[in-house]
């Protein structure tokens, strides 16, 4: 659901094929938003407000989530904001607990790469380019979130026995625009 719970995004597996179709319902009117039918998708996340929907798109051959797109719900303009062509990686998205950033993760069982983009409509209208916070390094896994004015990372970076450790990055060192 979006911030004010007026919109809900959902997926359906039509035909039990594991190929998902997405749509958005306006909870005030009970109607589906016209023109919003997303084919071959994985996950859906709202930006702040009622204007932006982020989603993962799957490739046709393997049904692997490999793209992140942004949909302007007012103009229905779609923008591709991230593509991972490595067939071993699966892309997923999530919004940080404070809802300031969309996290884009490209993962295998052995490694992670993490990008972020602001969920704020004013900020992401100016830029559709995510910022890489965690580069892909062989045998390094990572998870990230944002709290107050810093990112928190749980990672195996610097660990010889693959134990996780916590690291932080202050916002003042990060420019999302």
Foldseek 3Di string as FASTA:
>chain_A
DADVPQKDKDWDDPPPPLWIKIWMAGNVVRHTQPPRIHTQWDDWDAFHDDFKIKTFHADPPPSAGFWIWIAGSVVRDIDTAGGDPPPQWGWDWDAAPVRQWIWIWTDHPFWIWIWIAGSDPVRVVVPSYTHTDGHTDGRKYWDWHDDDFKIKIWMQPPPPVSHTDIDIDGNVVPDND
